[in-house]
N, C-alpha and C. Protein backbone atom coordinates (compact mmCIF):
# COMPACT_ATOMS: atom_id res chain seq x y z
N MET A 1 -7.78 -7.41 -3.73
CA MET A 1 -7.02 -6.69 -4.96
C MET A 1 -5.45 -7.09 -5.84
N LYS A 2 -5.42 -5.98 -6.43
CA LYS A 2 -5.29 -6.81 -7.40
C LYS A 2 -3.57 -5.23 -6.83
N PRO A 3 -2.46 -5.95 -6.94
CA PRO A 3 -0.98 -4.96 -6.32
C PRO A 3 -1.32 -3.63 -7.55
N ARG A 4 -1.85 -4.19 -8.33
CA ARG A 4 -1.33 -2.61 -9.44
C ARG A 4 -2.14 -1.52 -8.57
N ARG A 5 -3.24 -2.62 -8.01
CA ARG A 5 -4.42 -1.01 -7.78
C ARG A 5 -3.73 -0.95 -6.28
N LEU A 6 -3.23 -1.78 -5.46
CA LEU A 6 -2.76 -1.42 -4.12
C LEU A 6 -1.53 -0.80 -4.59
N LEU A 7 -0.84 -0.30 -5.38
CA LEU A 7 0.09 0.48 -5.54
C LEU A 7 -0.01 1.76 -5.84
N ARG A 8 -1.44 2.21 -6.93
CA ARG A 8 -1.86 3.13 -6.99
C ARG A 8 -3.26 3.64 -6.10
N LEU A 9 -3.58 2.85 -4.68
CA LEU A 9 -4.33 3.54 -4.30
C LEU A 9 -3.36 4.31 -3.34
N LEU A 10 -1.77 3.67 -2.55
CA LEU A 10 -0.86 3.68 -1.55
C LEU A 10 -0.50 5.56 -3.15
N GLU A 11 -0.53 5.13 -3.94
CA GLU A 11 0.37 6.66 -4.92
C GLU A 11 -1.03 7.54 -4.83
N ARG A 12 -1.71 8.06 -5.23
CA ARG A 12 -2.17 8.53 -5.10
C ARG A 12 -3.40 8.76 -4.25
N GLU A 13 -3.70 8.41 -3.28
CA GLU A 13 -4.50 8.44 -2.07
C GLU A 13 -3.58 9.18 -1.23
N LEU A 14 -2.27 8.28 -0.17
CA LEU A 14 -1.99 8.32 0.94
C LEU A 14 -0.35 9.21 -0.03
N GLY A 15 -0.02 8.98 -0.66
CA GLY A 15 1.11 9.99 -1.43
C GLY A 15 2.46 9.64 -1.65
N TYR A 16 2.13 8.13 -1.19
CA TYR A 16 2.91 7.45 -1.70
C TYR A 16 3.56 7.98 -2.36
N ARG A 17 5.46 7.81 -3.01
CA ARG A 17 5.65 7.05 -4.28
C ARG A 17 7.20 6.05 -4.13
N GLN A 18 7.26 5.03 -5.22
CA GLN A 18 7.61 3.86 -5.36
C GLN A 18 9.60 4.74 -5.25
N VAL A 19 10.66 4.29 -4.95
CA VAL A 19 11.99 4.86 -4.90
C VAL A 19 12.46 3.78 -5.14
N SER A 20 12.38 2.47 -4.69
CA SER A 20 13.55 2.09 -5.68
C SER A 20 12.52 -0.16 -5.51
N ILE A 21 13.39 -1.24 -6.99
CA ILE A 21 12.70 -2.33 -6.88
C ILE A 21 14.04 -3.14 -6.73
N GLU A 22 13.73 -3.92 -6.26
CA GLU A 22 14.37 -5.39 -5.60
C GLU A 22 14.29 -6.64 -5.06
N GLY A 23 13.41 -6.85 -6.79
CA GLY A 23 13.46 -8.41 -6.85
C GLY A 23 12.21 -8.52 -7.06
N SER A 24 11.14 -8.88 -6.38
CA SER A 24 9.63 -8.69 -6.22
C SER A 24 8.91 -7.35 -4.99
N HIS A 25 10.18 -7.14 -4.25
CA HIS A 25 9.50 -6.01 -3.20
C HIS A 25 10.00 -4.27 -3.96
N ARG A 26 8.88 -3.96 -3.15
CA ARG A 26 9.35 -2.47 -3.66
C ARG A 26 8.79 -0.89 -2.57
N LYS A 27 9.59 -0.77 -2.90
CA LYS A 27 10.12 0.33 -1.19
C LYS A 27 9.37 1.66 -1.53
N LEU A 28 8.17 2.24 -0.90
CA LEU A 28 7.75 3.15 -1.03
C LEU A 28 8.15 4.03 0.51
N VAL A 29 8.22 5.30 -0.08
CA VAL A 29 8.31 6.14 1.01
C VAL A 29 6.93 7.42 1.13
N CYS A 30 6.50 8.75 1.70
CA CYS A 30 6.13 9.44 2.19
C CYS A 30 6.01 10.37 3.07
N PRO A 31 6.47 11.38 2.78
CA PRO A 31 7.32 12.31 4.08
C PRO A 31 6.20 12.08 4.83
N GLY A 32 6.55 12.52 6.06
CA GLY A 32 5.21 11.82 7.64
C GLY A 32 4.44 10.41 7.83
N ARG A 33 5.13 9.38 6.89
CA ARG A 33 4.95 8.43 7.27
C ARG A 33 5.39 7.49 6.94
N PRO A 34 5.71 6.15 7.93
CA PRO A 34 6.87 5.33 7.63
C PRO A 34 7.03 4.53 6.11
N THR A 35 8.17 4.56 5.88
CA THR A 35 8.66 4.02 4.68
C THR A 35 7.80 2.17 4.72
N LEU A 36 7.49 1.92 3.81
CA LEU A 36 6.84 0.99 2.98
C LEU A 36 7.38 0.19 2.07
N ILE A 37 7.59 -1.10 2.18
CA ILE A 37 8.41 -1.89 1.81
C ILE A 37 7.19 -3.12 1.59
N ILE A 38 6.30 -3.25 0.26
CA ILE A 38 5.30 -4.54 -0.39
C ILE A 38 5.94 -5.18 -1.48
N SER A 39 5.49 -6.59 -1.37
CA SER A 39 5.44 -7.31 -1.83
C SER A 39 4.56 -7.54 -3.44
N PHE A 40 5.37 -7.60 -4.26
CA PHE A 40 4.32 -7.17 -5.37
C PHE A 40 4.02 -8.54 -6.27
N HIS A 41 3.31 -8.99 -6.16
CA HIS A 41 3.26 -10.30 -7.35
C HIS A 41 1.98 -10.04 -8.39
N ASP A 42 2.24 -9.22 -9.03
CA ASP A 42 1.30 -9.47 -10.56
C ASP A 42 0.26 -10.30 -10.94
N ARG A 43 0.47 -11.55 -10.45
CA ARG A 43 -0.54 -12.63 -10.79
C ARG A 43 -1.37 -13.06 -9.64
N GLU A 44 -0.41 -12.89 -8.89
CA GLU A 44 -2.05 -12.83 -7.43
C GLU A 44 -2.78 -11.52 -7.06
N GLU A 45 -3.22 -12.05 -5.82
CA GLU A 45 -4.37 -10.97 -5.47
C GLU A 45 -3.65 -10.68 -4.19
N VAL A 46 -3.77 -9.29 -3.75
CA VAL A 46 -3.13 -9.11 -1.95
C VAL A 46 -4.85 -9.54 -1.75
N SER A 47 -4.80 -10.26 -0.40
CA SER A 47 -5.78 -10.66 0.32
C SER A 47 -6.37 -8.98 1.08
N SER A 48 -7.34 -9.86 1.15
CA SER A 48 -7.94 -8.35 2.19
C SER A 48 -7.46 -8.31 3.28
N VAL A 49 -6.45 -9.19 4.58
CA VAL A 49 -6.14 -9.30 5.87
C VAL A 49 -4.96 -8.29 4.87
N ALA A 50 -3.99 -8.57 4.10
CA ALA A 50 -2.67 -8.35 3.61
C ALA A 50 -3.17 -6.76 3.79
N VAL A 51 -4.38 -6.27 2.45
CA VAL A 51 -4.25 -4.82 1.93
C VAL A 51 -4.66 -4.06 3.93
N ARG A 52 -5.69 -4.52 4.41
CA ARG A 52 -5.75 -4.22 6.09
C ARG A 52 -4.16 -3.67 6.85
N ALA A 53 -3.60 -4.92 6.70
CA ALA A 53 -1.97 -4.70 7.84
C ALA A 53 -1.01 -3.82 6.80
N ILE A 54 -1.19 -3.80 5.42
CA ILE A 54 -0.42 -2.76 5.23
C ILE A 54 -1.36 -0.75 5.78
N LEU A 55 -2.54 -1.42 5.80
CA LEU A 55 -2.60 0.15 5.64
C LEU A 55 -2.52 0.95 7.18
N ILE A 56 -2.95 -0.33 8.40
CA ILE A 56 -3.17 0.46 9.02
C ILE A 56 -2.20 -0.48 10.73
N LYS A 57 -1.68 -1.46 9.88
CA LYS A 57 0.28 -1.73 10.74
C LYS A 57 1.21 -1.16 10.03
N GLN A 58 1.13 -1.04 8.83
CA GLN A 58 2.51 -0.37 8.29
C GLN A 58 2.68 0.84 7.87
N ALA A 59 1.24 1.36 7.51
CA ALA A 59 1.35 3.26 7.13
C ALA A 59 0.36 4.08 8.49
N GLY A 60 -0.12 3.00 9.22
CA GLY A 60 -0.04 3.96 10.20
C GLY A 60 -1.59 4.83 10.41
N LEU A 61 -3.07 3.60 9.74
CA LEU A 61 -4.17 4.20 9.43
C LEU A 61 -4.84 3.97 10.47
N SER A 62 -5.73 4.86 10.93
CA SER A 62 -6.57 4.12 12.00
C SER A 62 -8.22 3.62 10.70
N LEU A 63 -8.64 2.27 11.63
CA LEU A 63 -9.17 1.61 10.05
C LEU A 63 -10.78 2.11 9.60
N ASP A 64 -11.37 3.52 10.37
CA ASP A 64 -12.00 4.20 9.69
C ASP A 64 -11.16 4.67 8.32
N ALA A 65 -9.74 5.25 8.64
CA ALA A 65 -9.04 5.88 7.55
C ALA A 65 -8.81 5.18 6.43
N ALA A 66 -8.22 3.79 6.84
CA ALA A 66 -8.25 2.97 5.71
C ALA A 66 -9.18 2.49 5.06
N LYS A 67 -10.82 2.08 5.85
CA LYS A 67 -11.22 1.84 4.67
C LYS A 67 -11.91 3.38 3.87
N GLU A 68 -12.01 4.54 4.16
CA GLU A 68 -12.33 4.99 3.17
C GLU A 68 -11.57 5.21 2.31
N VAL A 69 -10.34 4.92 2.83
CA VAL A 69 -9.31 5.36 1.25
C VAL A 69 -9.98 4.28 0.00
N VAL A 70 -9.76 2.93 0.86
CA VAL A 70 -9.94 1.81 -0.42
C VAL A 70 -10.93 1.82 -0.84
N ARG A 71 -12.64 3.11 -0.27
CA ARG A 71 -13.49 3.30 -0.98
C ARG A 71 -13.40 4.30 -1.48
N HIS A 72 -12.90 5.10 -1.72
CA HIS A 72 -12.24 6.32 -2.32
C HIS A 72 -11.58 5.87 -3.99
N ALA A 73 -10.28 4.61 -4.04
CA ALA A 73 -10.58 3.82 -4.53
C ALA A 73 -10.38 2.99 -5.20
């Protein structure tokens, strides 16, 4: 998955919004959810393992909820 698609997914599907950029890292916040800091390298693919870690471990979604979010994006 491209980083832009992941960022769109987090913003549109989960309600995150980008609040700052420092180098290649982007900070995203959402009321009621943990703050995320993701590395954003536009030319590289984000691996499925990293997408899963961001959605499940960092954003706190269940596996089923994460699959549903990715399916709708």
